[in-house]
Amino acid sequence: MIVLGLSGAVNHDASAALYIDGKLVAAAEEERFLRDKHAKGKMAYEATKYCLEQAGIRPDEIDIVAFPYAQIGLQSPARWHYAKRHWYAPDRALTALFSGNRRYWRNHKNVMKLLDDLGIDSKRVKFVPVEHHLAHASSAYHLSGFQEKTAIIGIDGKGEYATTFFGYGENGKIHKIKEFYDPDSLGGVYGAMTEYLGFEMLDGEFKVMGMAPYGDPNRFDFSRLIHCENGEFKVNTKLVNTVGFRRYKKDGKGYFFSPELIEWLGPMREGDEKDEPYIDYAASIQALLEKCALHLIDYYLGDIIRETGKVAYAGGVALNVKLNQRIIAMPGVKELFVQPASSDAGTAIGAASYASQLAGVPVEKMEHVYLGPSYTTQQCIDACERYTQPVSWQYLNDVCADTAKILADGNPVAWFQGRMEFGPRALGNRSILGSPNHSGVADRINAQIKYRERWRPFCPSMLDKVAPEILQTEHPSPYMTFTFDVAESWKSRIPEVVHEDGTARAQIVTRATNARYYELIEEMEKLTGNAVVLNTSLNRRGEPMVCSPTDALNMFFGSDLQYLVMEDILITK
């Protein structure tokens, strides 16, 4: 059975994923092919074509197409809650009641067109719409590999109407316990404050999280933004998650917060510096997110967690690694699986896995996210030969040993290998690497290569044999979805990947999942004594992660990078 999952339901992060008989054979985000971050307003045409080509199947062989957006009936409390909470915007309230599935039908039309355009045939294939948060839940639970009863968390900005999902998985089935609905959204509040702090939604939330450790969360009381107690929470829409006339407007743009927030906290932050009081605001909103999320998780899922210790989590807020560290520390938690593509891109996997399970074909545990395109050494050479300017390249005798020597000398290296990662994290195939014991290498990458804020942290990739000593835990971390407290004895050894608060967002590398990357880090250990490299995504600020050899060359010549390793060749300036 062949199941194609598509995302892009809420106007961003279109992607495609393909299951064949329960095995995830390909997945990719549309942005990587279009070179347009988040691919807003796009459907996953190029990603779908890639998945079919990678699997070697024809369009007419697809049995099921799953999409992470479903109709919500008028009998559901979701539409009534939305209407009631948006009383001050009667046009929205009435639309929710009388035409509450407009976006569903718009999505349906776009999906049917894509299927017909690509020869899949919308009239032939079985179409399965999956509720947005059930898709998130499936992407976490069904791919976790957990056999025990599993607590399931889904927190994001918004799907159809739901913003937050608590449930459990047992014997392959997902059961809802509680949902919260727009505008009561933890992800929405964090996103609104992201905008206030001068960043873009969808990207800037990572920056707020990175800024938070520099501030004091006790300096400002943000409790007025959210009322949260006894298993309930309600957002103060006079300040955040606002719509219509309540929104603050500047230079013709409306924001998801009100003028009252400006009156309370002062003007929006501008520029790239981490300055007061904004670092304290970042710390305060991070603390509020953690406090509310942990309360709700314990209230609705605490008994299940204490029973089995297994937790699966997805949704955009699941990429908040500081919150994830707090969840791991909750009493009873033995293992937390966070879907590495927790944002809406991952709902393509979630919808497909849910539909596969529904059809009686269980899906396999997710072992890695190397699900995108790969290129041979010859294809890399061909890209160099036809590039718009002369490219100096040479074969490497020993790719890992030679690259490790360049890194150990203090030079950043662009590292382009194997199949592209699915999701927002570079995990050793589309990465910029550095030696974490070389002082200043992080600043150099930020300022001269990534062109991003100087204070943003970098992450370590480390071998599985040293991870327990460095991170002081045996908890799995293959996807950079958690932060951990770095052991004191290691902080001075790898200072470039330890954040202001003494933590690191680590990737633990195994030989089984990425043999060449593992070998490279082994070579680094021989030269530096540390089985760790600094790892950040191969892209410049505001751009998607590199996909093809030509993308890599564009990034290379558009920055101050001096070394690019593509498969078995080294490109230098």
Protein backbone atom coordinates (compact mmCIF):
# COMPACT_ATOMS: atom_id res chain seq x y z
CA MET A 1 0.00 0.00 0.00
CA ILE A 2 1.34 3.43 -0.99
CA VAL A 3 0.28 6.50 1.01
CA LEU A 4 1.20 10.06 0.08
CA GLY A 5 0.97 12.69 2.82
CA LEU A 6 0.80 16.38 1.95
CA SER A 7 1.05 19.44 4.19
CA GLY A 8 0.51 23.15 3.64
CA ALA A 9 -2.93 23.27 5.22
CA VAL A 10 -2.42 26.55 7.06
CA ASN A 11 -0.68 28.40 4.24
CA HIS A 12 2.92 27.60 5.11
CA ASP A 13 5.47 24.77 5.32
CA ALA A 14 4.14 22.70 2.45
CA SER A 15 5.78 19.28 2.28
CA ALA A 16 5.28 15.74 1.03
CA ALA A 17 5.95 12.34 2.59
CA LEU A 18 5.61 8.88 1.09
CA TYR A 19 4.93 5.59 2.88
CA ILE A 20 5.18 2.23 1.12
CA ASP A 21 3.83 -0.68 3.16
CA GLY A 22 4.41 1.20 6.41
CA LYS A 23 7.95 2.31 5.59
CA LEU A 24 8.72 6.03 5.24
CA VAL A 25 10.79 6.13 2.05
CA ALA A 26 10.92 9.87 1.30
CA ALA A 27 9.93 13.23 2.73
CA ALA A 28 10.88 16.79 1.79
CA GLU A 29 9.78 20.36 2.26
CA GLU A 30 8.70 22.46 -0.71
CA GLU A 31 10.83 25.41 0.46
CA ARG A 32 14.03 23.49 -0.29
CA PHE A 33 13.18 23.21 -3.98
CA LEU A 34 11.63 26.66 -4.43
CA ARG A 35 14.35 28.37 -2.32
CA ASP A 36 11.55 30.25 -0.56
CA LYS A 37 11.56 29.99 3.25
CA HIS A 38 8.38 28.27 4.51
CA ALA A 39 6.92 28.28 0.95
CA LYS A 40 4.00 30.43 2.09
CA GLY A 41 0.89 29.99 0.01
CA LYS A 42 2.39 27.09 -1.95
CA MET A 43 1.39 23.47 -2.40
CA ALA A 44 3.94 20.65 -2.38
CA TYR A 45 4.37 20.12 -6.12
CA GLU A 46 8.16 19.77 -6.24
CA ALA A 47 8.31 17.81 -2.99
CA THR A 48 5.72 15.35 -4.28
CA LYS A 49 7.57 14.88 -7.57
CA TYR A 50 10.75 14.22 -5.62
CA CYS A 51 9.06 11.60 -3.39
CA LEU A 52 7.71 9.71 -6.41
CA GLU A 53 11.08 9.81 -8.16
CA GLN A 54 12.96 8.72 -5.04
CA ALA A 55 10.60 5.77 -4.55
CA GLY A 56 10.64 4.87 -8.24
CA ILE A 57 6.87 4.76 -8.51
CA ARG A 58 4.35 6.16 -10.98
CA PRO A 59 1.66 8.67 -9.93
CA ASP A 60 -1.09 6.15 -10.69
CA GLU A 61 0.37 3.69 -8.17
CA ILE A 62 -0.55 5.85 -5.16
CA ASP A 63 -3.43 4.33 -3.20
CA ILE A 64 -4.18 6.96 -0.56
CA VAL A 65 -3.55 10.70 -0.25
CA ALA A 66 -3.76 12.10 3.28
CA PHE A 67 -3.99 15.78 4.20
CA PRO A 68 -3.74 17.30 7.71
CA TYR A 69 -6.91 19.36 7.70
CA ALA A 70 -10.46 18.12 8.22
CA GLN A 71 -14.01 19.43 8.44
CA ILE A 72 -15.12 20.50 11.91
CA GLY A 73 -18.86 20.05 12.46
CA LEU A 74 -21.11 22.67 13.99
CA GLN A 75 -21.79 20.31 16.87
CA SER A 76 -18.11 20.53 17.83
CA PRO A 77 -17.35 22.93 20.71
CA ALA A 78 -14.49 24.33 18.61
CA ARG A 79 -16.50 26.63 16.36
CA TRP A 80 -18.73 27.83 19.21
CA HIS A 81 -15.70 28.57 21.39
CA TYR A 82 -14.08 30.53 18.56
CA ALA A 83 -17.25 32.53 17.96
CA LYS A 84 -17.73 33.32 21.64
CA ARG A 85 -14.11 34.38 22.21
CA HIS A 86 -14.15 36.59 19.09
CA TRP A 87 -17.32 38.46 20.02
CA TYR A 88 -15.47 41.72 19.46
CA ALA A 89 -14.90 40.75 15.80
CA PRO A 90 -18.44 39.72 14.77
CA ASP A 91 -17.46 39.07 11.17
CA ARG A 92 -15.10 36.31 12.30
CA ALA A 93 -17.49 34.97 14.91
CA LEU A 94 -20.37 34.65 12.44
CA THR A 95 -18.13 33.13 9.78
CA ALA A 96 -17.04 30.42 12.23
CA LEU A 97 -20.67 29.52 12.93
CA PHE A 98 -22.14 29.76 9.43
CA SER A 99 -19.17 28.98 7.18
CA GLY A 100 -16.72 27.32 9.51
CA ASN A 101 -15.13 24.99 6.95
CA ARG A 102 -14.25 27.54 4.28
CA ARG A 103 -10.54 26.86 4.61
CA TYR A 104 -11.12 23.12 4.42
CA TRP A 105 -12.87 23.42 1.07
CA ARG A 106 -10.19 25.82 -0.19
CA ASN A 107 -7.54 23.27 0.82
CA HIS A 108 -9.52 20.44 -0.75
CA LYS A 109 -9.71 22.28 -4.07
CA ASN A 110 -5.95 22.96 -4.04
CA VAL A 111 -5.10 19.34 -3.20
CA MET A 112 -7.37 17.97 -5.94
CA LYS A 113 -5.73 20.29 -8.45
CA LEU A 114 -2.26 19.14 -7.38
CA LEU A 115 -3.26 15.49 -7.74
CA ASP A 116 -4.65 16.03 -11.22
CA ASP A 117 -1.73 18.21 -12.30
CA LEU A 118 0.74 15.50 -11.28
CA GLY A 119 -1.21 12.63 -12.83
CA ILE A 120 -2.27 11.07 -9.53
CA ASP A 121 -5.96 11.51 -10.50
CA SER A 122 -8.14 12.93 -7.76
CA LYS A 123 -11.13 10.82 -8.83
CA ARG A 124 -9.19 7.55 -8.60
CA VAL A 125 -7.18 7.92 -5.41
CA LYS A 126 -8.67 7.64 -1.92
CA PHE A 127 -8.50 11.01 -0.15
CA VAL A 128 -8.23 10.97 3.66
CA PRO A 129 -8.51 14.29 5.51
CA VAL A 130 -7.00 14.08 9.00
CA GLU A 131 -7.65 16.58 11.79
CA HIS A 132 -4.59 18.79 12.08
CA HIS A 133 -3.77 17.89 15.66
CA LEU A 134 -4.38 14.19 15.05
CA ALA A 135 -1.77 14.46 12.30
CA HIS A 136 0.66 16.05 14.76
CA ALA A 137 -0.21 13.35 17.30
CA SER A 138 0.34 10.54 14.79
CA SER A 139 3.67 11.99 13.67
CA ALA A 140 4.82 11.71 17.28
CA TYR A 141 3.11 8.60 18.63
CA HIS A 142 3.12 6.28 15.62
CA LEU A 143 6.74 7.11 14.80
CA SER A 144 8.04 6.94 18.37
CA GLY A 145 8.26 3.17 18.41
CA PHE A 146 6.75 3.15 21.89
CA GLN A 147 4.78 -0.02 22.61
CA GLU A 148 3.52 1.03 26.03
CA LYS A 149 0.57 3.32 26.69
CA THR A 150 1.94 6.70 25.63
CA ALA A 151 1.02 10.24 26.69
CA ILE A 152 0.63 12.45 23.61
CA ILE A 153 1.10 16.23 23.54
CA GLY A 154 0.36 18.56 20.63
CA ILE A 155 0.93 22.29 21.05
CA ASP A 156 1.13 24.81 18.20
CA GLY A 157 -0.41 28.06 17.02
CA LYS A 158 -3.58 26.70 15.47
CA GLY A 159 -4.90 23.95 13.21
CA GLU A 160 -8.53 24.09 12.10
CA TYR A 161 -9.58 25.55 15.45
CA ALA A 162 -7.66 23.50 17.99
CA THR A 163 -4.41 24.88 19.39
CA THR A 164 -3.52 22.30 22.03
CA PHE A 165 -4.06 18.53 22.20
CA PHE A 166 -3.69 16.10 25.09
CA GLY A 167 -4.33 12.42 24.58
CA TYR A 168 -2.81 8.99 24.70
CA GLY A 169 -1.84 6.23 22.35
CA GLU A 170 -2.44 2.58 23.05
CA ASN A 171 -2.27 -0.46 20.77
CA GLY A 172 -1.72 1.81 17.78
CA LYS A 173 -4.82 3.96 18.39
CA ILE A 174 -4.91 7.62 19.42
CA HIS A 175 -7.44 8.77 22.02
CA LYS A 176 -8.27 12.42 22.74
CA ILE A 177 -8.47 13.60 26.32
CA LYS A 178 -8.65 17.37 25.96
CA GLU A 179 -8.34 20.06 23.30
CA PHE A 180 -8.13 23.84 23.60
CA TYR A 181 -9.27 26.17 20.84
CA ASP A 182 -8.28 29.45 19.24
CA PRO A 183 -7.63 32.12 20.52
CA ASP A 184 -6.48 30.23 23.62
CA SER A 185 -3.13 29.20 22.22
CA LEU A 186 0.23 28.90 23.96
CA GLY A 187 1.94 28.89 20.57
CA GLY A 188 -0.05 31.95 19.57
CA VAL A 189 0.99 33.92 22.65
CA TYR A 190 4.65 32.98 22.15
CA GLY A 191 4.34 33.95 18.48
CA ALA A 192 2.76 37.30 19.32
CA MET A 193 5.59 38.08 21.73
CA THR A 194 8.04 36.95 19.07
CA GLU A 195 6.64 39.66 16.82
CA TYR A 196 6.79 42.22 19.64
CA LEU A 197 10.45 41.34 20.18
CA GLY A 198 11.17 42.23 16.57
CA PHE A 199 11.30 38.80 14.95
CA GLU A 200 9.20 37.07 12.33
CA MET A 201 6.68 34.39 13.29
CA LEU A 202 7.68 30.84 12.27
CA ASP A 203 11.41 31.70 12.46
CA GLY A 204 11.80 34.10 15.34
CA GLU A 205 10.53 31.80 18.09
CA PHE A 206 13.95 30.08 18.08
CA LYS A 207 15.55 33.48 18.57
CA VAL A 208 13.34 34.37 21.53
CA MET A 209 14.25 31.05 23.10
CA GLY A 210 17.94 31.75 22.46
CA MET A 211 17.67 35.25 23.90
CA ALA A 212 15.83 34.17 27.06
CA PRO A 213 18.88 32.87 29.02
CA TYR A 214 20.43 36.36 28.89
CA GLY A 215 17.48 37.87 30.78
CA ASP A 216 15.86 37.70 34.21
CA PRO A 217 12.40 36.07 34.11
CA ASN A 218 11.54 37.50 37.53
CA ARG A 219 12.00 41.12 36.55
CA PHE A 220 8.59 41.35 34.83
CA ASP A 221 5.34 39.58 35.65
CA PHE A 222 3.74 38.30 32.44
CA SER A 223 0.93 36.41 34.16
CA ARG A 224 -1.63 38.89 32.83
CA LEU A 225 -1.14 37.42 29.34
CA ILE A 226 -2.58 34.02 30.27
CA HIS A 227 -4.86 32.84 33.05
CA CYS A 228 -3.84 29.23 33.70
CA GLU A 229 -4.97 27.10 36.64
CA ASN A 230 -6.92 23.94 37.48
CA GLY A 231 -6.44 22.49 34.00
CA GLU A 232 -7.79 25.53 32.15
CA PHE A 233 -6.15 28.42 30.42
CA LYS A 234 -7.46 31.55 28.80
CA VAL A 235 -5.47 34.07 26.79
CA ASN A 236 -5.95 37.78 27.41
CA THR A 237 -6.97 38.87 23.90
CA LYS A 238 -6.88 42.50 24.96
CA LEU A 239 -3.09 42.12 24.81
CA VAL A 240 -2.14 39.17 22.56
CA ASN A 241 -3.67 36.81 19.99
CA THR A 242 -5.69 39.78 18.81
CA VAL A 243 -7.63 40.16 15.57
CA GLY A 244 -9.32 43.04 13.74
CA PHE A 245 -9.34 46.48 15.27
CA ARG A 246 -7.58 45.25 18.43
CA ARG A 247 -4.33 44.69 16.54
CA TYR A 248 -1.39 47.05 16.78
CA LYS A 249 -0.57 48.44 13.35
CA LYS A 250 2.70 49.91 12.14
CA ASP A 251 3.80 50.86 8.64
CA GLY A 252 0.70 49.24 7.20
CA LYS A 253 1.24 45.89 8.93
CA GLY A 254 -1.01 44.43 11.62
CA TYR A 255 0.52 42.44 14.48
CA PHE A 256 -0.85 39.75 16.76
CA PHE A 257 -0.73 42.03 19.79
CA SER A 258 -2.56 45.21 20.75
CA PRO A 259 -1.63 48.85 21.35
CA GLU A 260 -2.27 48.12 25.03
CA LEU A 261 0.78 45.80 25.02
CA ILE A 262 2.88 48.68 23.68
CA GLU A 263 1.52 50.97 26.39
CA TRP A 264 2.49 48.37 29.00
CA LEU A 265 5.91 47.22 27.75
CA GLY A 266 7.09 50.06 25.55
CA PRO A 267 7.96 50.13 21.83
CA MET A 268 8.73 47.04 19.79
CA ARG A 269 12.33 45.89 19.80
CA GLU A 270 14.40 46.74 16.73
CA GLY A 271 17.84 45.68 15.49
CA ASP A 272 19.98 42.63 16.17
CA GLU A 273 21.37 43.32 19.63
CA LYS A 274 20.28 41.63 22.83
CA ASP A 275 19.38 44.64 24.94
CA GLU A 276 17.33 45.46 28.01
CA PRO A 277 14.51 45.23 28.84
CA TYR A 278 13.85 42.93 25.88
CA ILE A 279 16.09 40.12 27.08
CA ASP A 280 14.04 40.11 30.29
CA TYR A 281 10.82 40.04 28.26
CA ALA A 282 12.17 37.02 26.35
CA ALA A 283 13.02 35.31 29.64
CA SER A 284 9.57 36.09 31.03
CA ILE A 285 7.61 34.73 28.06
CA GLN A 286 9.76 31.59 28.05
CA ALA A 287 9.09 31.10 31.77
CA LEU A 288 5.35 31.65 31.26
CA LEU A 289 5.25 29.09 28.44
CA GLU A 290 7.03 26.53 30.59
CA LYS A 291 4.83 27.17 33.62
CA CYS A 292 1.54 26.86 31.71
CA ALA A 293 2.58 23.92 29.54
CA LEU A 294 3.93 21.89 32.45
CA HIS A 295 0.79 22.55 34.49
CA LEU A 296 -1.50 21.39 31.67
CA ILE A 297 0.65 18.36 30.84
CA ASP A 298 0.62 17.22 34.45
CA TYR A 299 -3.10 17.92 34.83
CA TYR A 300 -4.22 15.92 31.81
CA LEU A 301 -1.42 13.40 31.32
CA GLY A 302 0.26 13.08 34.71
CA ASP A 303 -1.35 9.74 35.59
CA ILE A 304 -0.38 8.21 32.24
CA ILE A 305 3.16 9.54 32.52
CA ARG A 306 3.54 8.07 36.00
CA GLU A 307 2.13 4.76 34.75
CA THR A 308 4.49 4.15 31.80
CA GLY A 309 6.89 7.10 31.54
CA LYS A 310 6.53 7.39 27.76
CA VAL A 311 5.66 10.73 26.14
CA ALA A 312 5.30 11.67 22.45
CA TYR A 313 5.12 15.31 21.40
CA ALA A 314 4.66 17.36 18.22
CA GLY A 315 3.41 20.77 17.05
CA GLY A 316 5.41 23.94 16.54
CA VAL A 317 5.93 24.51 20.27
CA ALA A 318 7.58 21.08 20.47
CA LEU A 319 10.63 22.73 18.89
CA ASN A 320 11.07 24.76 22.08
CA VAL A 321 13.99 22.75 23.40
CA LYS A 322 14.08 24.50 26.78
CA LEU A 323 10.50 23.44 27.50
CA ASN A 324 11.38 19.93 26.35
CA GLN A 325 14.20 19.77 28.90
CA ARG A 326 11.67 20.65 31.60
CA ILE A 327 9.28 17.92 30.37
CA ILE A 328 12.06 15.30 30.57
CA ALA A 329 12.63 16.41 34.17
CA MET A 330 8.97 15.88 35.13
CA PRO A 331 8.38 13.12 37.71
CA GLY A 332 7.82 9.80 36.01
CA VAL A 333 9.08 10.69 32.54
CA LYS A 334 11.38 7.96 31.25
CA GLU A 335 11.58 8.94 27.59
CA LEU A 336 10.27 11.85 25.55
CA PHE A 337 10.04 11.46 21.77
CA VAL A 338 9.71 14.74 19.93
CA GLN A 339 8.92 14.49 16.23
CA PRO A 340 12.00 16.13 14.64
CA ALA A 341 9.78 17.86 12.07
CA SER A 342 7.32 19.07 14.70
CA SER A 343 6.21 22.11 12.74
CA ASP A 344 3.48 21.91 10.12
CA ALA A 345 5.91 20.38 7.63
CA GLY A 346 5.79 17.24 9.76
CA THR A 347 2.03 16.94 9.39
CA ALA A 348 2.63 15.41 5.95
CA ILE A 349 4.23 12.47 7.77
CA GLY A 350 1.54 12.61 10.43
CA ALA A 351 -1.38 12.54 8.01
CA ALA A 352 0.20 9.73 5.98
CA SER A 353 1.05 7.63 9.04
CA TYR A 354 -2.46 8.13 10.46
CA ALA A 355 -4.05 7.09 7.17
CA SER A 356 -1.77 4.07 6.90
CA GLN A 357 -2.67 2.93 10.42
CA LEU A 358 -6.35 3.50 9.64
CA ALA A 359 -6.01 1.25 6.60
CA GLY A 360 -4.52 -1.51 8.73
CA VAL A 361 -0.86 -1.05 7.82
CA PRO A 362 1.20 -0.05 10.91
CA VAL A 363 4.11 2.31 10.28
CA GLU A 364 7.70 1.76 11.32
CA LYS A 365 9.55 3.60 14.07
CA MET A 366 11.39 6.69 12.84
CA GLU A 367 15.12 5.88 12.90
CA HIS A 368 16.45 8.94 11.08
CA VAL A 369 15.37 11.97 9.04
CA TYR A 370 17.69 11.56 6.06
CA LEU A 371 14.71 11.42 3.72
CA GLY A 372 15.50 14.06 1.09
CA PRO A 373 17.48 14.08 -2.17
CA SER A 374 21.08 12.87 -2.44
CA TYR A 375 23.66 13.58 -5.13
CA THR A 376 26.62 11.60 -6.40
CA THR A 377 30.15 12.95 -6.45
CA GLN A 378 29.89 13.19 -10.23
CA GLN A 379 26.73 15.29 -9.95
CA CYS A 380 28.60 17.60 -7.56
CA ILE A 381 31.46 17.88 -10.05
CA ASP A 382 29.02 18.58 -12.88
CA ALA A 383 27.47 21.40 -10.80
CA CYS A 384 30.95 22.88 -10.31
CA GLU A 385 31.77 22.66 -14.02
CA ARG A 386 28.60 24.45 -15.15
CA TYR A 387 28.54 27.03 -12.34
CA THR A 388 28.33 30.70 -13.28
CA GLN A 389 31.91 31.36 -12.16
CA PRO A 390 35.08 29.25 -12.03
CA VAL A 391 35.10 26.71 -9.18
CA SER A 392 38.33 25.33 -7.76
CA TRP A 393 37.80 21.75 -6.66
CA GLN A 394 39.82 18.63 -5.96
CA TYR A 395 39.26 15.04 -4.91
CA LEU A 396 39.97 14.24 -1.26
CA ASN A 397 42.06 11.15 -0.52
CA ASP A 398 40.39 10.63 2.85
CA VAL A 399 37.27 12.80 3.13
CA CYS A 400 36.82 12.53 6.89
CA ALA A 401 40.49 12.79 7.91
CA ASP A 402 41.17 15.68 5.51
CA THR A 403 38.06 17.59 6.61
CA ALA A 404 38.86 17.03 10.28
CA LYS A 405 42.30 18.57 9.74
CA ILE A 406 40.73 21.73 8.25
CA LEU A 407 38.29 21.94 11.16
CA ALA A 408 40.96 21.32 13.79
CA ASP A 409 42.93 24.23 12.36
CA GLY A 410 40.03 26.51 13.32
CA ASN A 411 38.27 26.79 9.96
CA PRO A 412 34.52 26.44 9.43
CA VAL A 413 33.59 23.92 6.74
CA ALA A 414 30.39 23.52 4.71
CA TRP A 415 29.58 19.80 4.76
CA PHE A 416 27.27 18.45 2.01
CA GLN A 417 26.72 14.70 2.17
CA GLY A 418 24.09 12.05 1.48
CA ARG A 419 20.34 12.60 1.70
CA MET A 420 19.04 15.96 2.88
CA GLU A 421 17.43 16.12 6.30
CA PHE A 422 13.66 16.51 6.74
CA GLY A 423 12.73 19.14 9.31
CA PRO A 424 14.42 22.32 10.53
CA ARG A 425 17.62 20.80 11.96
CA ALA A 426 20.81 20.11 10.07
CA LEU A 427 21.98 16.74 11.34
CA GLY A 428 25.26 16.25 9.56
CA ASN A 429 24.28 16.13 5.88
CA ARG A 430 23.57 19.80 5.11
CA SER A 431 25.68 21.47 7.80
CA ILE A 432 28.27 24.11 8.52
CA LEU A 433 30.77 22.61 10.94
CA GLY A 434 33.38 24.03 13.26
CA SER A 435 35.74 22.96 16.02
CA PRO A 436 33.95 23.72 19.34
CA ASN A 437 37.19 24.21 21.27
CA HIS A 438 38.42 27.01 18.95
CA SER A 439 37.55 30.34 20.55
CA GLY A 440 35.74 32.68 18.18
CA VAL A 441 34.64 30.15 15.59
CA ALA A 442 30.96 30.64 16.54
CA ASP A 443 31.23 34.43 16.22
CA ARG A 444 32.92 34.02 12.86
CA ILE A 445 30.15 31.77 11.52
CA ASN A 446 27.44 34.13 12.80
CA ALA A 447 29.02 37.31 11.46
CA GLN A 448 30.70 36.23 8.21
CA ILE A 449 28.81 33.16 7.02
CA LYS A 450 25.28 32.94 8.43
CA TYR A 451 24.88 36.73 8.76
CA ARG A 452 22.71 36.31 11.83
CA GLU A 453 22.56 37.73 15.35
CA ARG A 454 25.89 37.41 17.15
CA TRP A 455 24.36 36.11 20.39
CA ARG A 456 22.59 33.09 18.92
CA PRO A 457 23.97 29.76 20.15
CA PHE A 458 25.34 26.83 18.17
CA CYS A 459 24.77 23.16 18.76
CA PRO A 460 27.09 20.21 19.24
CA SER A 461 27.01 16.93 17.36
CA MET A 462 28.71 14.31 19.53
CA LEU A 463 29.40 10.62 19.36
CA ASP A 464 27.16 8.29 21.31
CA LYS A 465 30.13 6.96 23.30
CA VAL A 466 30.84 10.34 24.95
CA ALA A 467 27.32 11.80 25.13
CA PRO A 468 26.39 10.40 28.58
CA GLU A 469 29.50 11.96 30.11
CA ILE A 470 28.96 15.36 28.47
CA LEU A 471 25.18 15.59 28.90
CA GLN A 472 24.94 13.71 32.21
CA THR A 473 22.07 11.56 30.98
CA GLU A 474 21.32 8.44 28.95
CA HIS A 475 18.27 10.04 27.34
CA PRO A 476 18.24 9.64 23.53
CA SER A 477 18.79 12.80 21.50
CA PRO A 478 19.28 12.05 17.81
CA TYR A 479 17.48 15.13 16.45
CA MET A 480 18.56 18.23 18.44
CA THR A 481 15.12 18.47 20.06
CA PHE A 482 16.32 18.88 23.67
CA THR A 483 18.76 20.93 25.68
CA PHE A 484 20.82 19.32 28.42
CA ASP A 485 23.03 20.66 31.20
CA VAL A 486 26.64 20.29 30.11
CA ALA A 487 28.99 18.71 32.64
CA GLU A 488 31.33 21.23 34.26
CA SER A 489 34.39 19.28 33.12
CA TRP A 490 33.32 19.75 29.48
CA LYS A 491 32.27 23.39 29.43
CA SER A 492 35.84 24.61 28.99
CA ARG A 493 36.62 21.90 26.44
CA ILE A 494 33.80 22.80 24.03
CA PRO A 495 32.93 26.41 24.90
CA GLU A 496 31.64 27.34 21.43
CA VAL A 497 28.61 25.05 21.79
CA VAL A 498 27.65 25.78 25.41
CA HIS A 499 24.95 28.42 25.76
CA GLU A 500 24.73 31.25 28.30
CA ASP A 501 22.80 29.05 30.75
CA GLY A 502 25.28 26.16 30.61
CA THR A 503 23.15 24.00 28.33
CA ALA A 504 23.60 22.57 24.85
CA ARG A 505 21.05 21.48 22.23
CA ALA A 506 22.82 18.28 21.33
CA GLN A 507 22.67 15.76 18.52
CA ILE A 508 23.92 12.33 19.53
CA VAL A 509 25.38 10.64 16.46
CA THR A 510 25.40 6.89 15.94
CA ARG A 511 27.37 4.96 13.34
CA ALA A 512 24.23 3.09 12.26
CA THR A 513 22.37 6.23 11.16
CA ASN A 514 25.20 8.33 9.68
CA ALA A 515 28.45 6.42 9.19
CA ARG A 516 30.40 9.16 7.39
CA TYR A 517 29.48 11.87 9.88
CA TYR A 518 30.40 9.50 12.71
CA GLU A 519 33.78 8.86 11.11
CA LEU A 520 34.42 12.59 10.71
CA ILE A 521 33.78 13.19 14.41
CA GLU A 522 36.05 10.25 15.25
CA GLU A 523 38.80 11.94 13.25
CA MET A 524 38.16 15.17 15.15
CA GLU A 525 38.57 13.27 18.40
CA LYS A 526 42.00 12.04 17.27
CA LEU A 527 43.12 15.62 16.58
CA THR A 528 41.46 17.57 19.41
CA GLY A 529 40.63 15.00 22.07
CA ASN A 530 36.93 15.85 21.78
CA ALA A 531 34.43 13.66 19.93
CA VAL A 532 32.31 16.75 19.27
CA VAL A 533 31.79 19.20 16.39
CA LEU A 534 29.91 22.48 16.21
CA ASN A 535 27.01 22.00 13.80
CA THR A 536 24.63 24.53 12.25
CA SER A 537 22.46 24.41 9.15
CA LEU A 538 23.92 25.04 5.71
CA ASN A 539 22.11 28.24 4.81
CA ARG A 540 22.28 31.98 5.20
CA ARG A 541 19.90 34.07 7.27
CA GLY A 542 16.39 34.01 5.85
CA GLU A 543 17.09 31.20 3.40
CA PRO A 544 15.98 27.56 3.45
CA MET A 545 18.55 24.88 4.13
CA VAL A 546 20.62 23.94 1.08
CA CYS A 547 19.23 21.10 -1.03
CA SER A 548 21.28 20.67 -4.23
CA PRO A 549 24.97 21.08 -5.14
CA THR A 550 24.13 24.32 -6.96
CA ASP A 551 22.39 25.63 -3.81
CA ALA A 552 25.54 24.79 -1.86
CA LEU A 553 27.74 26.65 -4.35
CA ASN A 554 25.45 29.69 -4.23
CA MET A 555 25.69 29.72 -0.45
CA PHE A 556 29.46 29.18 -0.57
CA PHE A 557 30.14 32.06 -2.95
CA GLY A 558 27.60 34.28 -1.21
CA SER A 559 29.42 34.12 2.12
CA ASP A 560 32.93 34.16 3.57
CA LEU A 561 33.15 30.37 3.70
CA GLN A 562 36.54 29.13 2.54
CA TYR A 563 35.91 25.38 2.44
CA LEU A 564 33.05 23.31 1.05
CA VAL A 565 33.13 19.51 1.08
CA MET A 566 30.58 17.97 -1.28
CA GLU A 567 30.61 14.18 -1.18
CA ASP A 568 34.22 13.28 -2.14
CA ILE A 569 35.43 16.70 -3.37
CA LEU A 570 36.73 19.83 -1.66
CA ILE A 571 35.90 23.28 -3.05
CA THR A 572 38.09 26.16 -1.92
CA LYS A 573 38.45 29.88 -2.51
